[in-house]
Protein backbone atom coordinates (compact mmCIF):
# COMPACT_ATOMS: atom_id res chain seq x y z
CA MET A 1 -44.28 -17.77 -35.32
CA ILE A 2 -41.89 -20.68 -35.97
CA ARG A 3 -42.00 -22.51 -39.28
CA PHE A 4 -40.04 -25.67 -40.14
CA GLU A 5 -40.07 -26.44 -43.86
CA HIS A 6 -38.72 -29.89 -44.83
CA VAL A 7 -35.91 -29.53 -42.27
CA SER A 8 -33.15 -32.13 -42.01
CA VAL A 9 -29.83 -31.83 -40.18
CA SER A 10 -26.81 -34.02 -40.72
CA TYR A 11 -23.27 -34.05 -39.35
CA ASP A 12 -20.22 -35.19 -41.26
CA ASP A 13 -19.15 -38.02 -38.94
CA ALA A 14 -22.63 -39.24 -38.01
CA PRO A 15 -23.94 -42.49 -39.54
CA ARG A 16 -27.42 -40.98 -40.08
CA PRO A 17 -29.07 -37.53 -40.04
CA ALA A 18 -29.87 -36.06 -36.64
CA LEU A 19 -33.22 -34.84 -38.01
CA THR A 20 -35.17 -35.86 -41.08
CA GLY A 21 -38.16 -34.28 -42.83
CA VAL A 22 -39.48 -31.94 -40.12
CA ASP A 23 -42.35 -29.92 -41.59
CA LEU A 24 -44.55 -28.12 -39.05
CA THR A 25 -45.59 -24.80 -37.52
CA VAL A 26 -45.51 -23.56 -33.93
CA PRO A 27 -48.24 -20.89 -33.64
CA GLU A 28 -47.68 -17.57 -31.92
CA GLY A 29 -48.56 -17.41 -28.24
CA GLU A 30 -48.65 -21.18 -27.58
CA LEU A 31 -46.70 -23.50 -25.32
CA CYS A 32 -45.48 -26.31 -27.54
CA LEU A 33 -43.97 -29.41 -25.91
CA LEU A 34 -41.33 -31.41 -27.78
CA VAL A 35 -41.09 -35.06 -26.70
CA GLY A 36 -39.37 -38.25 -27.81
CA PRO A 37 -36.84 -40.86 -26.70
CA SER A 38 -33.28 -39.82 -25.81
CA GLY A 39 -31.06 -39.19 -28.81
CA VAL A 40 -33.79 -38.62 -31.45
CA GLY A 41 -32.75 -35.02 -32.15
CA LYS A 42 -34.82 -32.86 -29.79
CA SER A 43 -31.88 -30.64 -28.82
CA THR A 44 -30.90 -30.35 -32.48
CA LEU A 45 -34.41 -29.24 -33.41
CA LEU A 46 -34.37 -26.61 -30.66
CA GLY A 47 -30.95 -25.41 -31.83
CA THR A 48 -32.25 -24.70 -35.34
CA VAL A 49 -34.71 -22.13 -33.96
CA SER A 50 -31.98 -19.81 -32.63
CA GLY A 51 -29.56 -20.54 -35.47
CA LEU A 52 -27.08 -22.31 -33.19
CA VAL A 53 -27.61 -25.23 -35.58
CA PRO A 54 -25.72 -25.10 -37.89
CA HIS A 55 -23.89 -21.75 -37.39
CA PHE A 56 -22.35 -22.79 -34.06
CA THR A 57 -22.55 -26.58 -34.01
CA GLY A 58 -21.55 -27.18 -37.63
CA GLY A 59 -23.25 -29.76 -39.80
CA THR A 60 -25.57 -29.21 -42.75
CA LEU A 61 -29.09 -27.82 -42.53
CA HIS A 62 -31.44 -28.77 -45.33
CA GLY A 63 -34.77 -26.97 -45.68
CA ARG A 64 -35.64 -23.75 -43.94
CA VAL A 65 -36.46 -22.53 -40.41
CA THR A 66 -38.08 -19.10 -40.03
CA VAL A 67 -38.82 -17.30 -36.75
CA ALA A 68 -40.94 -14.14 -36.85
CA GLY A 69 -40.13 -13.98 -40.56
CA ARG A 70 -36.35 -14.28 -40.10
CA ASP A 71 -34.61 -17.10 -41.93
CA THR A 72 -32.04 -18.78 -39.66
CA ARG A 73 -29.93 -19.70 -42.69
CA THR A 74 -29.16 -16.02 -43.30
CA HIS A 75 -29.47 -14.73 -39.72
CA LYS A 76 -26.79 -15.83 -37.27
CA PRO A 77 -27.56 -16.40 -33.56
CA ARG A 78 -26.57 -12.87 -32.56
CA GLU A 79 -29.05 -11.51 -35.13
CA MET A 80 -31.81 -13.64 -33.59
CA ALA A 81 -31.04 -12.72 -29.97
CA ASP A 82 -33.73 -10.05 -29.69
CA VAL A 83 -36.39 -12.51 -30.91
CA VAL A 84 -35.30 -15.90 -29.51
CA GLY A 85 -34.19 -16.64 -25.97
CA THR A 86 -32.54 -20.03 -25.45
CA VAL A 87 -31.76 -22.05 -22.32
CA GLY A 88 -29.86 -25.29 -22.91
CA GLN A 89 -29.46 -28.41 -20.79
CA ASP A 90 -26.25 -27.18 -19.15
CA PRO A 91 -26.74 -23.86 -17.29
CA LEU A 92 -22.99 -23.49 -16.66
CA ALA A 93 -22.41 -23.27 -20.42
CA HIS A 94 -24.92 -20.43 -20.48
CA PHE A 95 -23.22 -18.15 -17.95
CA VAL A 96 -20.88 -15.30 -18.85
CA THR A 97 -20.68 -13.36 -15.56
CA ASP A 98 -19.89 -14.24 -11.95
CA THR A 99 -22.94 -13.34 -9.85
CA VAL A 100 -26.69 -13.86 -10.07
CA GLU A 101 -27.67 -10.22 -10.53
CA ASP A 102 -24.97 -9.57 -13.14
CA GLU A 103 -26.08 -12.64 -15.11
CA LEU A 104 -29.70 -11.46 -15.17
CA ALA A 105 -28.58 -8.08 -16.51
CA TYR A 106 -26.02 -9.25 -19.07
CA GLY A 107 -28.43 -10.12 -21.90
CA MET A 108 -30.16 -6.75 -21.61
CA GLU A 109 -26.82 -4.93 -21.69
CA SER A 110 -25.96 -6.75 -24.91
CA LEU A 111 -29.25 -5.59 -26.46
CA GLY A 112 -28.85 -1.98 -25.30
CA VAL A 113 -31.81 -1.92 -22.90
CA PRO A 114 -31.95 1.39 -20.91
CA PRO A 115 -30.54 1.10 -17.34
CA ALA A 116 -33.83 2.01 -15.64
CA THR A 117 -35.65 -0.72 -17.56
CA MET A 118 -32.88 -3.19 -16.79
CA ARG A 119 -33.16 -2.53 -13.06
CA ARG A 120 -36.93 -3.04 -13.07
CA ARG A 121 -36.74 -6.27 -15.08
CA VAL A 122 -34.01 -7.70 -12.86
CA GLU A 123 -36.14 -7.10 -9.75
CA GLU A 124 -39.21 -8.62 -11.42
CA THR A 125 -37.29 -11.72 -12.44
CA LEU A 126 -35.68 -12.17 -9.03
CA ASP A 127 -39.17 -12.24 -7.52
CA LEU A 128 -40.72 -14.41 -10.24
CA LEU A 129 -38.16 -17.19 -9.85
CA GLY A 130 -37.52 -16.92 -6.10
CA LEU A 131 -33.96 -15.73 -6.63
CA ALA A 132 -34.00 -12.56 -4.50
CA PRO A 133 -32.09 -14.17 -1.57
CA LEU A 134 -29.39 -15.25 -4.02
CA ARG A 135 -28.91 -11.98 -5.90
CA ASP A 136 -25.32 -11.39 -4.69
CA ARG A 137 -24.22 -15.03 -4.67
CA PRO A 138 -21.41 -16.18 -6.99
CA LEU A 139 -22.85 -18.51 -9.63
CA ALA A 140 -20.23 -21.15 -8.85
CA THR A 141 -21.58 -21.54 -5.30
CA LEU A 142 -25.18 -22.29 -6.37
CA SER A 143 -26.73 -25.72 -6.58
CA GLY A 144 -27.55 -27.17 -9.97
CA GLY A 145 -31.23 -26.28 -9.62
CA GLN A 146 -30.46 -22.72 -8.54
CA GLN A 147 -28.17 -22.33 -11.55
CA GLN A 148 -30.99 -23.60 -13.76
CA ARG A 149 -33.33 -20.90 -12.46
CA VAL A 150 -30.71 -18.21 -13.03
CA ALA A 151 -30.19 -19.39 -16.62
CA ILE A 152 -33.95 -19.20 -17.24
CA GLY A 153 -34.13 -15.79 -15.59
CA SER A 154 -31.30 -14.38 -17.70
CA VAL A 155 -33.37 -15.16 -20.78
CA LEU A 156 -36.67 -13.89 -19.36
CA THR A 157 -35.23 -10.43 -18.65
CA THR A 158 -34.71 -9.78 -22.37
CA HIS A 159 -38.46 -10.30 -23.06
CA PRO A 160 -37.99 -12.40 -26.22
CA LYS A 161 -40.93 -13.21 -28.50
CA VAL A 162 -39.89 -16.87 -28.55
CA LEU A 163 -38.52 -18.93 -25.66
CA VAL A 164 -36.67 -22.17 -26.42
CA LEU A 165 -35.96 -24.36 -23.39
CA ASP A 166 -34.19 -27.70 -23.26
CA GLU A 167 -35.06 -29.71 -20.11
CA PRO A 168 -35.87 -26.57 -18.05
CA THR A 169 -37.14 -28.46 -14.97
CA SER A 170 -34.66 -31.37 -15.00
CA ALA A 171 -32.59 -30.01 -12.09
CA LEU A 172 -35.43 -28.36 -10.18
CA ASP A 173 -37.22 -29.61 -7.10
CA PRO A 174 -40.99 -30.11 -7.54
CA ALA A 175 -41.95 -26.75 -6.00
CA ALA A 176 -39.38 -24.81 -8.05
CA ALA A 177 -40.49 -26.61 -11.21
CA GLU A 178 -44.09 -25.56 -10.57
CA GLU A 179 -42.95 -21.95 -10.10
CA VAL A 180 -41.04 -21.95 -13.40
CA LEU A 181 -43.92 -23.54 -15.29
CA ALA A 182 -46.33 -21.00 -13.78
CA VAL A 183 -44.08 -18.21 -15.08
CA LEU A 184 -44.02 -19.76 -18.54
CA GLN A 185 -47.82 -20.05 -18.54
CA ARG A 186 -48.10 -16.40 -17.54
CA LEU A 187 -45.82 -15.37 -20.40
CA VAL A 188 -47.85 -17.42 -22.87
CA HIS A 189 -51.30 -16.38 -21.65
CA ASP A 190 -50.68 -12.74 -20.73
CA LEU A 191 -47.90 -11.62 -23.07
CA GLY A 192 -48.40 -13.94 -26.06
CA THR A 193 -44.87 -15.37 -25.81
CA THR A 194 -44.27 -18.49 -27.90
CA VAL A 195 -42.62 -21.27 -25.89
CA LEU A 196 -41.00 -24.34 -27.43
CA LEU A 197 -39.93 -26.69 -24.68
CA ALA A 198 -38.30 -30.13 -24.63
CA GLU A 199 -38.79 -32.11 -21.44
CA HIS A 200 -38.49 -35.72 -20.30
CA ARG A 201 -40.39 -35.27 -17.02
CA LEU A 202 -43.74 -35.15 -18.74
CA GLU A 203 -45.65 -35.59 -15.49
CA ARG A 204 -44.69 -31.99 -14.71
CA VAL A 205 -45.54 -30.25 -17.95
CA VAL A 206 -47.80 -32.17 -20.36
CA GLN A 207 -51.01 -30.75 -18.91
CA TYR A 208 -49.84 -27.20 -19.66
CA ALA A 209 -49.06 -27.78 -23.34
CA ASP A 210 -51.25 -26.41 -26.12
CA GLN A 211 -49.56 -28.67 -28.67
CA VAL A 212 -47.20 -31.65 -28.54
CA ILE A 213 -44.58 -32.55 -31.13
CA LEU A 214 -43.41 -36.16 -30.93
CA LEU A 215 -40.15 -37.21 -32.58
CA PRO A 216 -40.70 -40.99 -32.67
CA GLY A 217 -37.25 -42.07 -33.82
CA PRO A 218 -34.63 -41.94 -36.58
CA GLY A 219 -36.17 -41.36 -39.99
CA ALA A 220 -39.76 -41.15 -38.72
CA ALA A 221 -41.88 -38.07 -39.41
CA PRO A 222 -42.92 -35.97 -36.38
CA VAL A 223 -46.37 -36.51 -34.90
CA VAL A 224 -48.13 -33.24 -34.04
CA GLY A 225 -51.38 -32.80 -32.16
CA ASP A 226 -53.11 -32.02 -28.88
CA PRO A 227 -51.53 -33.57 -25.77
CA ALA A 228 -54.11 -36.33 -25.23
CA SER A 229 -54.00 -37.64 -28.81
CA VAL A 230 -50.19 -37.64 -28.98
CA MET A 231 -49.80 -39.28 -25.56
CA ALA A 232 -52.06 -42.10 -26.79
CA VAL A 233 -49.37 -43.14 -29.32
CA SER A 234 -46.19 -41.80 -27.72
CA PRO A 235 -43.48 -44.26 -26.59
CA VAL A 236 -42.66 -41.78 -23.80
CA HIS A 237 -45.47 -40.82 -21.44
CA PRO A 238 -45.97 -39.89 -17.77
CA PRO A 239 -47.10 -42.36 -15.09
CA VAL A 240 -50.67 -41.05 -15.10
CA VAL A 241 -50.95 -41.88 -18.83
CA ASP A 242 -49.35 -45.29 -18.25
CA LEU A 243 -51.92 -45.91 -15.51
CA GLY A 244 -54.71 -44.89 -17.88
CA ARG A 245 -53.46 -47.29 -20.54
CA LEU A 246 -53.28 -50.12 -18.00
CA ALA A 247 -56.81 -49.40 -16.75
CA GLY A 248 -58.21 -48.96 -20.29
CA TRP A 249 -59.40 -45.38 -19.74
CA SER A 250 -60.41 -43.33 -22.77
CA PRO A 251 -59.64 -40.54 -23.30
CA LEU A 252 -56.38 -40.86 -21.42
CA PRO A 253 -55.98 -38.59 -18.38
CA LEU A 254 -53.21 -36.00 -18.38
CA THR A 255 -53.58 -34.82 -14.79
CA VAL A 256 -53.95 -36.42 -11.39
CA ARG A 257 -57.37 -34.79 -11.06
CA ASP A 258 -58.65 -36.37 -14.28
CA ALA A 259 -57.33 -39.76 -13.23
CA ARG A 260 -58.84 -39.61 -9.75
CA ARG A 261 -62.29 -39.01 -11.27
CA ARG A 262 -62.04 -42.34 -13.11
CA ALA A 263 -60.12 -44.37 -10.55
CA ALA A 264 -62.94 -45.70 -8.33
CA PRO A 265 -63.28 -49.09 -10.14
CA LEU A 266 -59.50 -49.52 -10.13
CA ARG A 267 -59.34 -48.77 -6.40
CA GLU A 268 -61.93 -51.48 -5.79
CA ARG A 269 -59.85 -54.03 -7.71
CA LEU A 270 -56.69 -53.07 -5.84
CA ALA A 271 -58.18 -52.78 -2.34
CA PRO A 272 -57.70 -56.47 -1.42
CA LEU A 273 -54.21 -56.62 -2.97
CA THR A 274 -50.86 -55.67 -1.46
CA PRO A 275 -48.10 -53.89 -3.41
CA ALA A 276 -44.77 -55.67 -3.66
CA VAL A 277 -42.07 -53.82 -1.74
CA PRO A 278 -38.36 -54.72 -2.01
CA PRO A 279 -37.06 -56.00 1.32
CA VAL A 280 -34.83 -53.63 3.24
CA PRO A 281 -31.42 -55.13 4.12
CA ASP A 282 -31.13 -55.93 7.80
CA ALA A 283 -28.39 -54.48 9.90
CA GLY A 284 -26.08 -57.09 11.31
CA PRO A 285 -22.48 -58.12 11.86
CA PRO A 286 -20.06 -57.93 8.94
CA ALA A 287 -20.59 -60.79 6.53
CA PRO A 288 -17.96 -62.46 4.37
CA VAL A 289 -17.14 -60.99 1.01
CA ARG A 290 -18.61 -62.94 -1.87
CA ARG A 291 -18.56 -62.77 -5.61
CA VAL A 292 -21.25 -60.99 -7.59
CA ARG A 293 -23.69 -63.14 -9.52
CA GLY A 294 -26.72 -62.58 -11.70
CA ALA A 295 -27.58 -59.57 -13.87
CA ALA A 296 -25.18 -57.19 -12.16
CA ALA A 297 -22.39 -59.73 -12.56
CA ARG A 298 -22.98 -59.91 -16.29
CA LEU A 299 -22.40 -56.17 -16.48
CA LEU A 300 -19.60 -55.96 -13.93
CA SER A 301 -17.70 -59.05 -14.98
CA ARG A 302 -18.27 -59.61 -18.67
CA VAL A 303 -14.51 -59.54 -18.85
CA GLY A 304 -12.04 -60.15 -16.05
CA ARG A 305 -12.72 -61.52 -12.62
CA PRO A 306 -16.07 -61.03 -10.86
CA ALA A 307 -16.52 -58.13 -8.49
CA ALA A 308 -16.25 -58.79 -4.77
CA VAL A 309 -18.77 -56.92 -2.66
CA THR A 310 -20.10 -57.14 0.86
CA GLU A 311 -23.12 -59.27 1.60
CA PRO A 312 -26.42 -57.49 2.32
CA GLY A 313 -26.79 -57.34 6.08
CA ALA A 314 -23.16 -56.30 6.61
CA ALA A 315 -21.98 -53.29 8.58
CA ALA A 316 -22.73 -49.81 7.25
CA ALA A 317 -21.26 -48.89 3.87
CA ALA A 318 -21.37 -45.24 4.97
CA GLU A 319 -21.68 -43.72 8.43
CA VAL A 320 -22.18 -39.98 8.96
CA THR A 321 -22.47 -38.52 12.48
CA GLY A 322 -23.05 -34.89 13.49
CA LEU A 323 -21.76 -33.66 10.13
CA ALA A 324 -21.41 -29.94 9.46
CA VAL A 325 -19.96 -28.43 6.27
CA ARG A 326 -19.50 -24.72 5.49
CA HIS A 327 -19.08 -23.01 2.13
CA GLY A 328 -17.63 -19.63 3.08
CA ARG A 329 -20.31 -18.02 5.23
CA VAL A 330 -22.99 -20.54 4.24
CA ASP A 331 -23.81 -23.54 6.44
CA ALA A 332 -24.35 -26.15 3.73
CA LEU A 333 -24.88 -29.04 6.20
CA ARG A 334 -25.74 -28.94 9.90
CA GLU A 335 -25.69 -31.88 12.33
CA VAL A 336 -26.44 -34.44 9.64
CA GLY A 337 -26.58 -38.08 10.64
CA LEU A 338 -26.92 -40.86 8.08
CA SER A 339 -26.20 -44.58 7.98
CA VAL A 340 -26.36 -46.59 4.75
CA ARG A 341 -26.19 -50.38 4.83
CA ALA A 342 -24.83 -52.67 2.15
CA GLY A 343 -27.55 -53.55 -0.35
CA GLU A 344 -29.64 -50.51 0.57
CA THR A 345 -30.78 -47.77 -1.82
CA VAL A 346 -31.35 -44.34 -0.26
CA ALA A 347 -32.85 -41.33 -2.06
CA LEU A 348 -31.80 -37.86 -0.87
CA MET A 349 -34.53 -35.34 -1.60
CA GLY A 350 -35.28 -31.72 -0.75
CA ARG A 351 -35.48 -28.34 -2.40
CA ASN A 352 -32.63 -26.89 -4.45
CA GLY A 353 -29.78 -25.80 -2.20
CA ALA A 354 -30.79 -28.08 0.68
CA GLY A 355 -27.34 -29.73 0.79
CA LYS A 356 -27.86 -32.96 -1.16
CA SER A 357 -24.90 -32.55 -3.52
CA THR A 358 -22.72 -31.29 -0.69
CA LEU A 359 -23.43 -34.47 1.28
CA LEU A 360 -22.52 -36.66 -1.69
CA ARG A 361 -19.32 -34.73 -2.34
CA THR A 362 -18.38 -35.00 1.33
CA LEU A 363 -18.76 -38.78 1.10
CA VAL A 364 -16.10 -38.80 -1.65
CA GLY A 365 -13.74 -36.44 0.18
CA MET A 366 -14.33 -33.30 -1.89
CA HIS A 367 -15.34 -31.34 1.23
CA GLU A 368 -13.71 -31.53 4.64
CA PRO A 369 -16.19 -31.55 7.52
CA SER A 370 -16.07 -28.53 9.78
CA ARG A 371 -17.56 -30.76 12.46
CA GLY A 372 -18.60 -34.39 12.84
CA THR A 373 -17.33 -37.63 11.32
CA VAL A 374 -17.67 -39.38 7.96
CA ARG A 375 -16.60 -42.95 7.26
CA VAL A 376 -17.03 -44.87 4.03
CA GLY A 377 -16.24 -48.53 4.59
CA GLY A 378 -13.03 -48.36 6.55
CA ALA A 379 -11.91 -45.01 5.10
CA VAL A 380 -12.18 -41.36 6.13
CA PRO A 381 -12.86 -39.81 2.70
CA HIS A 382 -11.06 -36.45 2.96
CA ARG A 383 -7.94 -38.19 4.34
CA THR A 384 -7.82 -40.98 1.74
CA GLY A 385 -6.05 -40.80 -1.61
CA PRO A 386 -8.22 -40.90 -4.77
CA ARG A 387 -7.02 -44.29 -6.03
CA GLU A 388 -7.61 -45.93 -2.66
CA LEU A 389 -10.95 -44.18 -2.21
CA LEU A 390 -12.14 -45.57 -5.57
CA ARG A 391 -12.18 -49.00 -3.92
CA HIS A 392 -14.71 -47.77 -1.36
CA VAL A 393 -16.96 -45.23 -3.10
CA GLY A 394 -17.69 -43.82 -6.55
CA LEU A 395 -19.65 -40.67 -7.48
CA VAL A 396 -21.49 -39.97 -10.74
CA PRO A 397 -21.80 -36.16 -10.50
CA GLN A 398 -24.67 -33.96 -11.60
CA GLU A 399 -22.70 -33.07 -14.72
CA PRO A 400 -21.36 -36.41 -16.04
CA ARG A 401 -18.93 -34.59 -18.32
CA ASP A 402 -16.94 -33.67 -15.19
CA LEU A 403 -15.75 -37.30 -15.20
CA LEU A 404 -15.10 -37.45 -18.94
CA CYS A 405 -11.91 -35.97 -20.30
CA ALA A 406 -10.79 -38.22 -23.18
CA ASP A 407 -11.52 -37.77 -26.88
CA THR A 408 -13.22 -41.12 -27.46
CA VAL A 409 -15.36 -43.65 -25.61
CA ALA A 410 -12.56 -46.21 -25.96
CA ALA A 411 -10.02 -43.85 -24.38
CA GLU A 412 -12.39 -43.08 -21.49
CA CYS A 413 -12.82 -46.79 -20.84
CA ALA A 414 -9.09 -47.48 -20.96
CA ALA A 415 -8.41 -44.65 -18.50
CA ALA A 416 -11.15 -45.92 -16.16
CA ASP A 417 -9.67 -49.43 -16.16
CA ASP A 418 -6.23 -48.02 -15.40
CA ASP A 419 -7.47 -45.80 -12.55
CA ALA A 420 -9.37 -48.70 -11.00
CA ASP A 421 -6.61 -51.30 -11.56
CA ALA A 422 -9.29 -53.30 -13.36
CA GLU A 423 -8.82 -55.90 -16.08
CA PRO A 424 -8.49 -54.22 -19.52
CA GLY A 425 -11.91 -54.15 -21.18
CA THR A 426 -13.91 -54.02 -17.93
CA CYS A 427 -15.30 -50.53 -18.49
CA ARG A 428 -15.91 -51.17 -22.20
CA ALA A 429 -17.98 -54.22 -21.34
CA LEU A 430 -20.07 -52.09 -19.00
CA VAL A 431 -20.59 -49.49 -21.73
CA ALA A 432 -21.72 -52.22 -24.11
CA GLY A 433 -24.40 -53.21 -21.61
CA LEU A 434 -25.49 -49.66 -20.84
CA LEU A 435 -25.06 -48.09 -24.28
CA PRO A 436 -25.56 -50.70 -26.99
CA GLY A 437 -24.53 -49.43 -30.39
CA VAL A 438 -22.15 -46.65 -29.26
CA GLY A 439 -18.84 -47.01 -31.10
CA ASP A 440 -15.34 -46.83 -29.65
CA ALA A 441 -14.47 -43.77 -31.74
CA THR A 442 -17.47 -41.71 -30.56
CA HIS A 443 -16.52 -38.49 -28.77
CA PRO A 444 -18.25 -38.15 -25.36
CA ARG A 445 -19.39 -34.63 -26.25
CA ASP A 446 -21.36 -36.07 -29.17
CA LEU A 447 -23.46 -38.22 -26.84
CA SER A 448 -26.82 -37.09 -25.51
CA GLU A 449 -27.11 -36.14 -21.84
CA GLY A 450 -28.55 -39.56 -21.04
CA GLN A 451 -25.80 -41.35 -22.94
CA ARG A 452 -23.10 -39.34 -21.16
CA LEU A 453 -24.66 -40.33 -17.85
CA ALA A 454 -24.48 -44.00 -18.82
CA LEU A 455 -20.82 -43.63 -19.83
CA ALA A 456 -19.97 -41.88 -16.54
CA LEU A 457 -21.76 -44.63 -14.63
CA ALA A 458 -19.69 -47.26 -16.44
CA VAL A 459 -16.50 -45.33 -15.57
CA VAL A 460 -17.46 -45.39 -11.88
CA LEU A 461 -18.57 -49.03 -11.89
CA ALA A 462 -15.26 -50.15 -13.38
CA ALA A 463 -13.78 -49.81 -9.88
CA ARG A 464 -16.65 -51.91 -8.41
CA PRO A 465 -17.06 -49.63 -5.35
CA PRO A 466 -19.23 -51.00 -2.51
CA LEU A 467 -20.89 -47.56 -2.24
CA ILE A 468 -22.25 -45.87 -5.40
CA LEU A 469 -23.37 -42.22 -5.30
CA LEU A 470 -25.43 -40.58 -8.04
CA ASP A 471 -26.35 -36.88 -8.28
CA GLU A 472 -29.53 -36.26 -10.31
CA PRO A 473 -29.05 -39.47 -12.32
CA THR A 474 -32.18 -39.08 -14.49
CA ARG A 475 -31.37 -35.70 -16.03
CA GLY A 476 -31.72 -36.14 -19.78
CA LEU A 477 -33.17 -39.65 -19.53
CA ASP A 478 -36.46 -40.64 -21.14
CA TYR A 479 -38.77 -43.11 -19.40
CA ALA A 480 -37.31 -46.15 -21.18
CA ALA A 481 -33.74 -45.16 -20.36
CA LYS A 482 -34.77 -44.48 -16.76
CA ALA A 483 -36.33 -47.95 -16.56
CA ARG A 484 -33.04 -49.48 -17.74
CA LEU A 485 -31.15 -47.46 -15.13
CA VAL A 486 -33.56 -48.65 -12.42
CA GLN A 487 -32.98 -52.28 -13.41
CA ILE A 488 -29.21 -51.85 -13.35
CA LEU A 489 -29.18 -50.12 -9.96
CA ARG A 490 -31.65 -52.61 -8.52
CA GLY A 491 -29.41 -55.44 -9.67
CA LEU A 492 -26.37 -53.79 -8.08
CA ALA A 493 -28.25 -53.34 -4.81
CA ASP A 494 -29.34 -56.98 -4.90
CA GLU A 495 -25.69 -57.95 -5.21
CA GLY A 496 -24.73 -55.95 -2.12
CA HIS A 497 -23.79 -52.49 -3.37
CA ALA A 498 -25.08 -49.60 -1.29
CA ILE A 499 -26.56 -46.80 -3.43
CA VAL A 500 -27.26 -43.20 -2.47
CA LEU A 501 -28.85 -40.93 -5.05
CA ALA A 502 -29.72 -37.26 -4.81
CA THR A 503 -32.80 -36.64 -6.92
CA HIS A 504 -35.82 -34.44 -7.54
CA ASP A 505 -37.42 -37.26 -9.50
CA VAL A 506 -40.17 -38.46 -7.17
CA GLU A 507 -41.10 -41.27 -9.57
CA LEU A 508 -37.54 -42.63 -9.47
CA ALA A 509 -37.47 -42.53 -5.67
CA ALA A 510 -40.82 -44.32 -5.47
CA GLU A 511 -39.67 -47.10 -7.77
CA LEU A 512 -36.11 -47.65 -6.57
CA ALA A 513 -35.41 -46.44 -3.04
CA HIS A 514 -35.75 -48.45 0.17
CA ARG A 515 -35.52 -45.21 2.18
CA VAL A 516 -36.02 -41.53 1.52
CA VAL A 517 -34.06 -38.86 3.42
CA ILE A 518 -35.32 -35.30 3.05
CA LEU A 519 -32.93 -32.40 3.65
CA ALA A 520 -33.93 -28.78 4.31
CA GLU A 521 -31.50 -25.94 4.96
CA GLY A 522 -28.71 -28.47 5.45
CA GLU A 523 -30.57 -30.55 8.06
CA VAL A 524 -32.27 -33.94 7.91
CA VAL A 525 -35.99 -33.36 8.41
CA ALA A 526 -37.30 -36.82 7.46
CA ASP A 527 -35.76 -40.27 7.20
CA GLY A 528 -37.83 -43.39 6.75
CA PRO A 529 -39.26 -46.02 4.40
CA THR A 530 -40.08 -44.66 0.95
CA ALA A 531 -43.80 -45.41 1.11
CA GLU A 532 -44.16 -43.49 4.37
CA VAL A 533 -42.02 -40.45 3.56
CA VAL A 534 -43.11 -39.66 0.00
CA VAL A 535 -46.83 -40.16 0.58
CA SER A 536 -46.78 -37.87 3.64
CA SER A 537 -45.63 -34.93 1.48
CA PRO A 538 -47.67 -33.64 -1.50
CA ALA A 539 -44.50 -32.21 -3.04
CA PHE A 540 -42.69 -35.57 -3.07
CA SER A 541 -45.63 -37.89 -3.70
CA PRO A 542 -45.63 -39.74 -7.06
CA GLN A 543 -48.59 -39.45 -9.42
CA VAL A 544 -49.93 -42.96 -8.80
CA ALA A 545 -50.01 -42.39 -5.03
CA LYS A 546 -52.00 -39.20 -5.53
CA VAL A 547 -54.48 -40.92 -7.86
CA LEU A 548 -55.07 -44.00 -5.69
CA ALA A 549 -54.81 -42.48 -2.18
CA PRO A 550 -55.38 -43.67 0.47
CA LEU A 551 -54.31 -47.04 -0.96
CA PRO A 552 -50.55 -47.73 -0.59
CA TRP A 553 -49.64 -47.96 -4.30
CA LEU A 554 -46.70 -45.90 -5.58
CA THR A 555 -45.91 -47.01 -9.15
CA VAL A 556 -47.57 -48.44 -12.24
CA PRO A 557 -45.21 -51.50 -12.31
CA GLN A 558 -46.43 -52.42 -8.80
CA ILE A 559 -50.03 -52.35 -10.04
CA ARG A 560 -49.27 -54.20 -13.26
CA THR A 561 -47.54 -56.98 -11.30
CA ALA A 562 -50.34 -57.25 -8.74
CA LEU A 563 -53.12 -57.35 -11.33
CA GLY A 564 -51.19 -59.89 -13.38
CA GLU A 565 -50.78 -62.17 -10.38
CA ALA A 566 -54.44 -61.73 -9.38
CA SER A 567 -55.80 -62.63 -12.82
């Protein structure tokens, strides 16, 4: 169905080709998973299938890509629209209408589908993706995960022969991700649709793939094969595969069920051991401000004076009491109470639309409470000016580009230093630590999703806020990049910064968070230590916990450390 013949893609200003020597076939009626580290060209490869690369993006395409016999060199994207449906990483860039139902119908209108057929397909798609309650909602009022489902639905209604999806579950809660993947499986198995899908959260999707394409790195030829054989050599792999490598299992398991069948000897080894758990900061009276030291200091203070933050154990960095927030007629938050101490990392979890992003935005003054109180440090966010508020709290939003408005990395860094009244070069030093090798002249739009996140994080950290908020911080990050992010955030927490992150990434919460707070319909339904909250819910339990239950292990690094110390 899709044929890549000696395909390479290069851009005029890039130091090296984005893709080199891709020569492979994606058979009809298969779900093919595209994997590889961030920035190796996965999105570029997907773009060549619809013709967006190079007709829309520019650059030079060498070789040939054919889809259902159509050559993308001679067929522009609009001439491929009836064959290829594409959903990119940013659903907002996909939308052309204002409401959910109109968006689902738009693609069919463009293709001239009869009205009666359009109506039936819209209803089917609303039910398939759980969007029926949202049919009349303006797209701008939806959560990021809800927007992602609408973007996928708008492509499904056109019934394309080929579906190309870039990070389709990155903004979805675990239950919604399972629903979307079930729909994709149904399309593949029942209708013979060909699906080419790039995804970093392999724990969700690798077991469903018929074939895996690994892009190992710049200049390296793709590795193609069945999921188990490719995962055995892949630098990116899910926790269950990492656990299998650590335990020496062969063949490697791809599912929790496979791993549980082999885990009895490992459980016996781990039974007398205790997992290391980061200590939770104690509540106490305000402590004196001190200067940052250690790993976080090297990032925060490579130039200029060290950051001053509050000691762990100090008074709450954020205090929310009886909070209610309304969006029009929708109660986004209801009677929410939350206290976050200095040095504490809290993960906000819950299904799409539960109110996680609204709570973060309220903490930075973007929403005014309709009831209740919010204090961040000594400030009331919605009554505090932006420059003053930067000294108390910083938010890395779900779309990092919302923070990035300059034409170069250097200009972004200079603007961040100016906004934060920081020493010149502070933000650039942070970028050097987070994004080694990214040049000053690079345009932020030319960065991958993961690289843009790192740049936005550096922009926020330039102000050295005591409270750091992150909304879906692992979107677009591979496992290695996520591990680097975990180390950075853990170092910041050790130095006294309070961190609150809204995430659907259960593996991130298990590895990083002291506490997990679960929201549902705008209300707090669970709040407690990570090990207790995530294990009590199958939807939010990490893979390792499922494999080794009832033992209290959550992550592979915990096990690796314990076994290393025991040997």
